[in-house]
Amino acid sequence: MIDIFNNFYKGKRVLVTGHTGFKGSWLSIWLHELGAEVIGVALDPFTERDNYVLSSIGSKIKADIRADIRDGKRMKEIFQEYQPEIVFHLAAQPLVRLSYDIPVDTYETNVMGTINVMEAMRVTDSVKVGVMITTDKCYENKEQIWGYRENEPMGGYDPYSSSKGAAEIAIASWRRSFFNPADYGTKHHVSLASVRAGNVIGGGDWALDRIIPDCIKALEAGKPIDIRSPKAIRPWQHVLEPLSGYMLLAQKMWDEPTKYCEGWNFGPHTDSVTPVWDVAQDVIRYYGSGSLNDISDPNALHEAQLLMLDISKVKFSLGWEPRMNIHQCIELTIDWYKYYKTNNVYNLCTQHIERYLSYNQSHL
């Protein structure tokens, strides 16, 4: 496999929380391919068709652990046993609409879970880098037409978004209080950053109330695709886009620990900020069949209609840019769903990583 990180991850002990989830499974596959010793910590996968299950990544990595990040004592035990050097914290309750049903669980997982992971990092001398994954929805959303920058206020209307805003505030507090760059090398040895990505799509996601899984479930059942919020505009990106950014950031943090420990946006180019309806039309085009059905409800639970990220900072400070446009993102995503039943899914995923790395800005 092409290694854009120049062997950095080979032999590194990397702990991934949420490795049974959508983004976590792809990250674990990529890290494993690069020679990292991956320690996965998560609850059971969402369905038997999840990327984690079908790729069998759990049987390939160094440790495949079932644990709840709300259990702070257990987190410390795992960190002490496996002595990770780099931590990617992805475990979360990730769904807006579900957060209305389980607001307390959402806060316990997304806020206290994040704090428990940071506390485990604090008492484990081996940890050098912590990349805490939150969301673009952590910002106080004013439905503005320009993208949010990393220094704008945290907030959130619904329990999910606000819990991620609260997690960001906790991360900033722990960085100032316990992982302060000014004290690096004397009081601690941890570089801590938070990362925010847009609406991530890709193969192996079967979560409820997400546009791609909803489309695929309808297509496989031979039914029209019901579109709940056809005019909602989102910054769509393939899962490998932000993951490449997280991994690049962790490498930079390792090399220069006090320079990169802050918040970072990883979003798509502006041409990938498009309405849900247009995305669903592209899904049908690449899948080869299907139809759409507008079921928008004016009395539905509140979800933001417009949300964008400004990615100027990662472009200039990290040298990171998206490799794919919206059509390439959807095409690669649908490729997984067309072939997951008949192909070796682990190989399918590694092929997708190779295809992703073959793209460059000239394709945009």
Protein backbone atom coordinates (compact mmCIF):
# COMPACT_ATOMS: atom_id res chain seq x y z
CA MET A 1 0.00 0.00 0.00
CA ILE A 2 1.12 3.57 -0.72
CA ASP A 3 2.36 5.09 2.55
CA ILE A 4 1.90 8.88 2.55
CA PHE A 5 3.18 8.95 6.15
CA ASN A 6 6.68 7.64 5.33
CA ASN A 7 6.60 4.60 7.64
CA PHE A 8 5.63 6.75 10.62
CA TYR A 9 2.96 4.34 11.88
CA LYS A 10 4.98 1.16 11.45
CA GLY A 11 5.39 -0.43 14.89
CA LYS A 12 3.60 2.40 16.73
CA ARG A 13 1.13 1.38 19.45
CA VAL A 14 -2.09 3.16 18.46
CA LEU A 15 -5.27 2.98 20.54
CA VAL A 16 -8.54 3.64 18.70
CA THR A 17 -11.75 4.10 20.69
CA GLY A 18 -14.85 3.31 18.67
CA HIS A 19 -13.01 0.94 16.30
CA THR A 20 -16.18 -1.10 15.75
CA GLY A 21 -17.93 1.97 14.35
CA PHE A 22 -17.99 3.29 10.81
CA LYS A 23 -15.04 5.71 10.90
CA GLY A 24 -13.18 3.66 13.51
CA SER A 25 -13.20 0.50 11.40
CA TRP A 26 -11.77 2.31 8.36
CA LEU A 27 -9.10 3.96 10.52
CA SER A 28 -8.16 0.60 12.07
CA ILE A 29 -7.84 -1.03 8.63
CA TRP A 30 -5.64 1.80 7.36
CA LEU A 31 -3.43 1.80 10.46
CA HIS A 32 -3.10 -1.99 10.34
CA GLU A 33 -2.05 -1.83 6.69
CA LEU A 34 0.63 0.70 7.67
CA GLY A 35 2.07 -1.69 10.26
CA ALA A 36 0.70 -0.08 13.44
CA GLU A 37 -0.09 -2.16 16.52
CA VAL A 38 -3.77 -1.24 16.81
CA ILE A 39 -5.58 -1.53 20.15
CA GLY A 40 -9.33 -1.21 19.57
CA VAL A 41 -11.68 -0.24 22.42
CA ALA A 42 -15.41 -0.10 21.75
CA LEU A 43 -18.90 -1.49 22.27
CA ASP A 44 -20.33 -4.11 19.92
CA PRO A 45 -20.86 -3.07 16.29
CA PHE A 46 -24.23 -1.63 15.26
CA THR A 47 -25.20 -4.41 12.82
CA GLU A 48 -23.81 -7.63 11.37
CA ARG A 49 -23.25 -5.82 8.06
CA ASP A 50 -21.01 -3.11 9.52
CA ASN A 51 -17.63 -2.57 7.93
CA TYR A 52 -15.98 -3.76 11.16
CA VAL A 53 -17.79 -7.12 11.01
CA LEU A 54 -17.50 -7.84 7.29
CA SER A 55 -13.85 -6.79 7.07
CA SER A 56 -12.91 -8.97 10.10
CA ILE A 57 -10.54 -6.20 11.17
CA GLY A 58 -11.08 -7.17 14.82
CA SER A 59 -9.27 -10.48 14.25
CA LYS A 60 -6.29 -8.78 12.58
CA ILE A 61 -5.38 -6.02 15.05
CA LYS A 62 -3.27 -6.41 18.19
CA ALA A 63 -6.23 -6.14 20.62
CA ASP A 64 -10.00 -6.08 20.08
CA ILE A 65 -11.51 -4.96 23.37
CA ARG A 66 -15.17 -4.48 24.38
CA ALA A 67 -15.43 -1.68 26.91
CA ASP A 68 -17.58 1.38 27.60
CA ILE A 69 -15.82 4.75 27.65
CA ARG A 70 -18.24 5.81 30.39
CA ASP A 71 -16.31 3.42 32.68
CA GLY A 72 -13.33 5.56 33.68
CA LYS A 73 -11.71 2.84 35.79
CA ARG A 74 -11.80 0.37 32.89
CA MET A 75 -10.29 2.94 30.53
CA LYS A 76 -7.32 3.46 32.85
CA GLU A 77 -6.81 -0.31 33.17
CA ILE A 78 -6.73 -0.74 29.36
CA PHE A 79 -4.30 2.14 28.90
CA GLN A 80 -2.04 0.78 31.64
CA GLU A 81 -2.06 -2.72 30.12
CA TYR A 82 -1.39 -1.76 26.49
CA GLN A 83 0.68 1.41 26.93
CA PRO A 84 -0.46 3.20 23.73
CA GLU A 85 1.71 5.90 22.21
CA ILE A 86 -0.99 7.53 20.04
CA VAL A 87 -4.71 7.76 20.83
CA PHE A 88 -7.51 8.40 18.33
CA HIS A 89 -10.73 8.92 20.29
CA LEU A 90 -13.76 8.30 18.04
CA ALA A 91 -16.19 6.46 20.36
CA ALA A 92 -19.43 8.43 20.67
CA GLN A 93 -23.20 8.49 20.43
CA PRO A 94 -23.09 9.97 16.90
CA LEU A 95 -26.71 10.55 15.88
CA VAL A 96 -28.66 13.81 16.11
CA ARG A 97 -32.16 12.34 16.06
CA LEU A 98 -31.30 9.57 18.54
CA SER A 99 -29.96 12.22 20.92
CA TYR A 100 -33.52 13.52 21.35
CA ASP A 101 -34.53 10.05 22.60
CA ILE A 102 -31.50 9.44 24.85
CA PRO A 103 -30.14 12.89 25.80
CA VAL A 104 -28.59 11.77 29.11
CA ASP A 105 -26.81 8.78 27.54
CA THR A 106 -25.61 11.08 24.74
CA TYR A 107 -24.06 13.48 27.24
CA GLU A 108 -22.59 10.71 29.41
CA THR A 109 -20.92 9.14 26.38
CA ASN A 110 -19.83 12.23 24.48
CA VAL A 111 -18.74 14.41 27.39
CA MET A 112 -17.83 12.15 30.32
CA GLY A 113 -16.56 9.45 27.96
CA THR A 114 -14.18 11.96 26.40
CA ILE A 115 -13.04 13.10 29.86
CA ASN A 116 -12.46 9.48 30.92
CA VAL A 117 -10.24 8.91 27.88
CA MET A 118 -8.24 12.06 28.64
CA GLU A 119 -7.86 11.01 32.28
CA ALA A 120 -6.57 7.60 31.14
CA MET A 121 -4.08 9.42 28.92
CA ARG A 122 -3.03 11.57 31.87
CA VAL A 123 -1.99 8.59 34.02
CA THR A 124 -0.28 6.63 31.19
CA ASP A 125 3.30 7.72 30.59
CA SER A 126 3.53 6.07 27.17
CA VAL A 127 0.93 8.39 25.55
CA LYS A 128 2.51 11.12 23.44
CA VAL A 129 -0.35 12.16 21.10
CA GLY A 130 -4.11 12.38 21.58
CA VAL A 131 -6.42 13.21 18.66
CA MET A 132 -9.96 13.74 19.92
CA ILE A 133 -12.61 13.47 17.20
CA THR A 134 -15.74 15.60 17.65
CA THR A 135 -17.90 17.00 14.79
CA ASP A 136 -18.65 20.04 12.66
CA LYS A 137 -21.88 20.32 14.66
CA CYS A 138 -19.93 21.42 17.76
CA TYR A 139 -20.14 25.05 16.61
CA GLU A 140 -22.93 27.42 17.63
CA ASN A 141 -24.79 27.15 14.31
CA LYS A 142 -26.16 30.44 13.01
CA GLU A 143 -27.03 28.90 9.60
CA GLN A 144 -24.52 31.32 8.05
CA ILE A 145 -23.44 30.97 4.42
CA TRP A 146 -19.71 30.95 5.17
CA GLY A 147 -17.78 28.21 6.94
CA TYR A 148 -17.03 28.11 10.64
CA ARG A 149 -13.45 28.70 11.72
CA GLU A 150 -11.74 26.90 14.57
CA ASN A 151 -11.84 29.94 16.87
CA GLU A 152 -15.64 30.42 16.70
CA PRO A 153 -17.92 29.68 19.68
CA MET A 154 -18.96 26.15 20.57
CA GLY A 155 -22.67 25.46 20.96
CA GLY A 156 -25.34 23.20 19.49
CA TYR A 157 -29.14 23.17 19.34
CA ASP A 158 -29.87 19.47 19.87
CA PRO A 159 -28.41 17.20 22.60
CA TYR A 160 -25.94 15.57 20.19
CA SER A 161 -24.50 18.81 18.81
CA SER A 162 -24.36 20.50 22.21
CA SER A 163 -22.73 17.43 23.80
CA LYS A 164 -19.96 17.67 21.19
CA GLY A 165 -19.62 21.40 21.88
CA ALA A 166 -19.33 20.55 25.58
CA ALA A 167 -16.72 17.89 24.77
CA GLU A 168 -14.69 20.50 22.88
CA ILE A 169 -14.80 22.81 25.92
CA ALA A 170 -13.64 19.92 28.13
CA ILE A 171 -10.79 19.11 25.72
CA ALA A 172 -9.68 22.75 25.74
CA SER A 173 -9.83 22.77 29.55
CA TRP A 174 -7.75 19.58 29.90
CA ARG A 175 -5.23 20.97 27.43
CA ARG A 176 -4.85 24.15 29.49
CA SER A 177 -4.97 22.44 32.89
CA PHE A 178 -3.05 19.19 32.41
CA PHE A 179 -1.52 19.13 28.91
CA ASN A 180 -0.47 22.74 28.59
CA PRO A 181 2.06 23.25 25.76
CA ALA A 182 4.03 25.58 28.05
CA ASP A 183 4.59 22.66 30.46
CA TYR A 184 5.48 20.09 27.82
CA GLY A 185 8.56 18.08 28.75
CA THR A 186 8.43 19.04 32.41
CA LYS A 187 4.94 18.33 33.80
CA HIS A 188 3.65 16.11 30.97
CA HIS A 189 4.49 14.55 27.59
CA VAL A 190 1.14 14.74 25.78
CA SER A 191 0.19 16.73 22.69
CA LEU A 192 -3.64 17.03 22.62
CA ALA A 193 -5.77 18.18 19.66
CA SER A 194 -9.43 18.07 18.64
CA VAL A 195 -10.66 17.53 15.09
CA ARG A 196 -14.00 18.36 13.46
CA ALA A 197 -15.22 16.83 10.21
CA GLY A 198 -18.29 17.29 8.06
CA ASN A 199 -20.93 14.77 6.99
CA VAL A 200 -18.85 11.67 6.41
CA ILE A 201 -19.96 8.99 3.95
CA GLY A 202 -18.44 5.71 2.87
CA GLY A 203 -18.92 1.96 2.72
CA GLY A 204 -20.10 -0.06 5.71
CA ASP A 205 -22.21 2.59 7.44
CA TRP A 206 -25.67 1.29 8.40
CA ALA A 207 -26.53 3.86 11.07
CA LEU A 208 -30.10 5.09 11.43
CA ASP A 209 -31.18 8.40 9.88
CA ARG A 210 -28.15 8.82 7.64
CA ILE A 211 -28.70 9.52 3.97
CA ILE A 212 -26.45 6.85 2.40
CA PRO A 213 -27.61 3.92 4.61
CA ASP A 214 -31.23 5.05 4.10
CA CYS A 215 -30.69 5.08 0.33
CA ILE A 216 -29.04 1.65 0.24
CA LYS A 217 -31.71 0.03 2.47
CA ALA A 218 -34.42 1.34 0.13
CA LEU A 219 -32.54 0.32 -3.02
CA GLU A 220 -31.86 -3.20 -1.74
CA ALA A 221 -35.56 -3.55 -0.84
CA GLY A 222 -36.65 -2.22 -4.26
CA LYS A 223 -38.47 0.73 -2.67
CA PRO A 224 -38.35 4.49 -3.39
CA ILE A 225 -35.85 6.43 -1.26
CA ASP A 226 -37.68 8.61 1.28
CA ILE A 227 -35.90 11.96 1.70
CA ARG A 228 -36.66 13.62 5.04
CA SER A 229 -34.80 16.93 4.56
CA PRO A 230 -34.27 17.37 0.81
CA LYS A 231 -33.07 20.99 1.05
CA ALA A 232 -30.65 20.49 3.95
CA ILE A 233 -27.15 21.46 2.84
CA ARG A 234 -24.16 19.54 4.20
CA PRO A 235 -20.38 19.40 3.65
CA TRP A 236 -20.16 15.83 2.31
CA GLN A 237 -16.83 13.99 2.37
CA HIS A 238 -15.68 10.40 1.99
CA VAL A 239 -14.57 8.81 5.26
CA LEU A 240 -10.96 8.49 4.03
CA GLU A 241 -10.65 12.28 3.64
CA PRO A 242 -10.84 13.25 7.33
CA LEU A 243 -9.04 10.07 8.42
CA SER A 244 -6.05 11.03 6.26
CA GLY A 245 -6.13 14.42 7.98
CA TYR A 246 -6.31 12.96 11.49
CA MET A 247 -3.37 10.67 10.75
CA LEU A 248 -1.31 13.49 9.25
CA LEU A 249 -2.07 15.69 12.25
CA ALA A 250 -0.99 12.97 14.69
CA GLN A 251 2.30 12.61 12.82
CA LYS A 252 2.88 16.38 12.96
CA MET A 253 2.02 16.43 16.69
CA TRP A 254 4.52 13.65 17.35
CA ASP A 255 7.27 15.56 15.55
CA GLU A 256 6.42 19.00 16.99
CA PRO A 257 4.32 18.44 20.13
CA THR A 258 3.65 22.05 21.09
CA LYS A 259 2.88 23.43 17.62
CA TYR A 260 -0.26 21.55 16.60
CA CYS A 261 -2.15 20.90 19.87
CA GLU A 262 -5.37 22.82 19.12
CA GLY A 263 -8.65 22.48 17.21
CA TRP A 264 -8.74 21.61 13.48
CA ASN A 265 -11.44 21.48 10.79
CA PHE A 266 -11.29 18.78 8.10
CA GLY A 267 -13.98 19.47 5.53
CA PRO A 268 -14.50 19.22 1.79
CA HIS A 269 -14.07 21.86 -0.88
CA THR A 270 -17.05 24.16 -1.31
CA ASP A 271 -18.28 22.28 -4.40
CA SER A 272 -19.04 19.32 -2.11
CA VAL A 273 -21.37 21.40 0.06
CA THR A 274 -24.63 20.32 -1.56
CA PRO A 275 -28.29 19.53 -0.71
CA VAL A 276 -29.38 16.08 0.46
CA TRP A 277 -31.63 15.68 -2.60
CA ASP A 278 -28.68 16.09 -5.00
CA VAL A 279 -26.64 13.51 -3.08
CA ALA A 280 -29.50 11.00 -3.29
CA GLN A 281 -29.79 11.59 -7.04
CA ASP A 282 -26.07 10.82 -7.39
CA VAL A 283 -26.53 7.63 -5.35
CA ILE A 284 -29.18 6.43 -7.81
CA ARG A 285 -26.96 7.30 -10.75
CA TYR A 286 -23.99 5.28 -9.46
CA TYR A 287 -26.10 2.43 -8.11
CA GLY A 288 -27.88 2.11 -11.45
CA SER A 289 -31.49 2.13 -10.26
CA GLY A 290 -33.97 3.70 -7.83
CA SER A 291 -36.28 6.67 -7.31
CA LEU A 292 -36.73 9.48 -4.77
CA ASN A 293 -39.69 10.42 -2.60
CA ASP A 294 -39.89 13.80 -0.78
CA ILE A 295 -41.35 13.17 2.72
CA SER A 296 -40.24 16.42 4.36
CA ASP A 297 -42.26 17.25 7.49
CA PRO A 298 -42.47 20.90 8.67
CA ASN A 299 -43.10 19.63 12.23
CA ALA A 300 -40.08 17.29 12.34
CA LEU A 301 -37.40 17.47 15.04
CA HIS A 302 -34.99 20.37 14.52
CA GLU A 303 -31.91 19.65 12.42
CA ALA A 304 -29.64 22.32 10.99
CA GLN A 305 -30.36 23.18 7.36
CA LEU A 306 -26.98 24.72 6.59
CA LEU A 307 -23.58 23.96 8.04
CA MET A 308 -20.10 24.44 6.53
CA LEU A 309 -16.52 24.37 7.73
CA ASP A 310 -13.67 26.70 6.81
CA ILE A 311 -10.61 24.53 6.10
CA SER A 312 -8.11 27.33 5.46
CA LYS A 313 -6.15 26.44 8.59
CA VAL A 314 -5.43 22.80 7.66
CA LYS A 315 -4.51 23.84 4.12
CA PHE A 316 -1.92 26.37 5.25
CA SER A 317 -0.68 24.84 8.53
CA LEU A 318 -0.78 21.11 7.72
CA GLY A 319 -0.64 21.11 3.94
CA TRP A 320 -3.79 18.96 3.88
CA GLU A 321 -6.47 19.23 1.20
CA PRO A 322 -9.37 17.04 0.08
CA ARG A 323 -8.44 14.72 -2.80
CA MET A 324 -11.97 14.04 -4.09
CA ASN A 325 -14.97 15.99 -5.34
CA ILE A 326 -18.54 15.16 -4.33
CA HIS A 327 -19.15 12.83 -7.29
CA GLN A 328 -15.97 10.84 -6.63
CA CYS A 329 -16.94 10.55 -2.95
CA ILE A 330 -20.36 9.15 -3.79
CA GLU A 331 -19.05 6.87 -6.53
CA LEU A 332 -16.46 5.30 -4.19
CA THR A 333 -19.07 4.95 -1.44
CA ILE A 334 -21.62 3.23 -3.67
CA ASP A 335 -18.89 0.93 -5.00
CA TRP A 336 -18.62 -0.60 -1.51
CA TYR A 337 -22.37 -1.19 -1.27
CA LYS A 338 -22.53 -2.73 -4.75
CA TYR A 339 -19.78 -5.27 -4.04
CA TYR A 340 -19.77 -5.97 -0.28
CA LYS A 341 -21.92 -9.12 -0.68
CA THR A 342 -19.65 -10.79 -3.22
CA ASN A 343 -16.15 -9.52 -2.40
CA ASN A 344 -13.65 -9.93 0.43
CA VAL A 345 -14.56 -6.74 2.31
CA TYR A 346 -11.13 -6.22 3.88
CA ASN A 347 -9.59 -6.29 0.40
CA LEU A 348 -12.37 -4.04 -0.89
CA CYS A 349 -11.49 -1.49 1.80
CA THR A 350 -7.76 -1.59 1.07
CA GLN A 351 -8.53 -1.17 -2.64
CA HIS A 352 -10.63 1.89 -1.77
CA ILE A 353 -7.75 3.34 0.26
CA GLU A 354 -5.45 2.80 -2.73
CA ARG A 355 -7.99 4.44 -5.06
CA TYR A 356 -8.36 7.37 -2.67
CA LEU A 357 -4.58 7.87 -2.53
CA SER A 358 -4.38 7.80 -6.33
CA TYR A 359 -6.51 10.95 -6.53
CA ASN A 360 -4.88 14.34 -6.39
CA GLN A 361 -5.99 17.95 -6.73
CA SER A 362 -5.84 17.74 -10.55
CA HIS A 363 -8.88 15.45 -10.43
CA LEU A 364 -11.03 18.12 -8.76
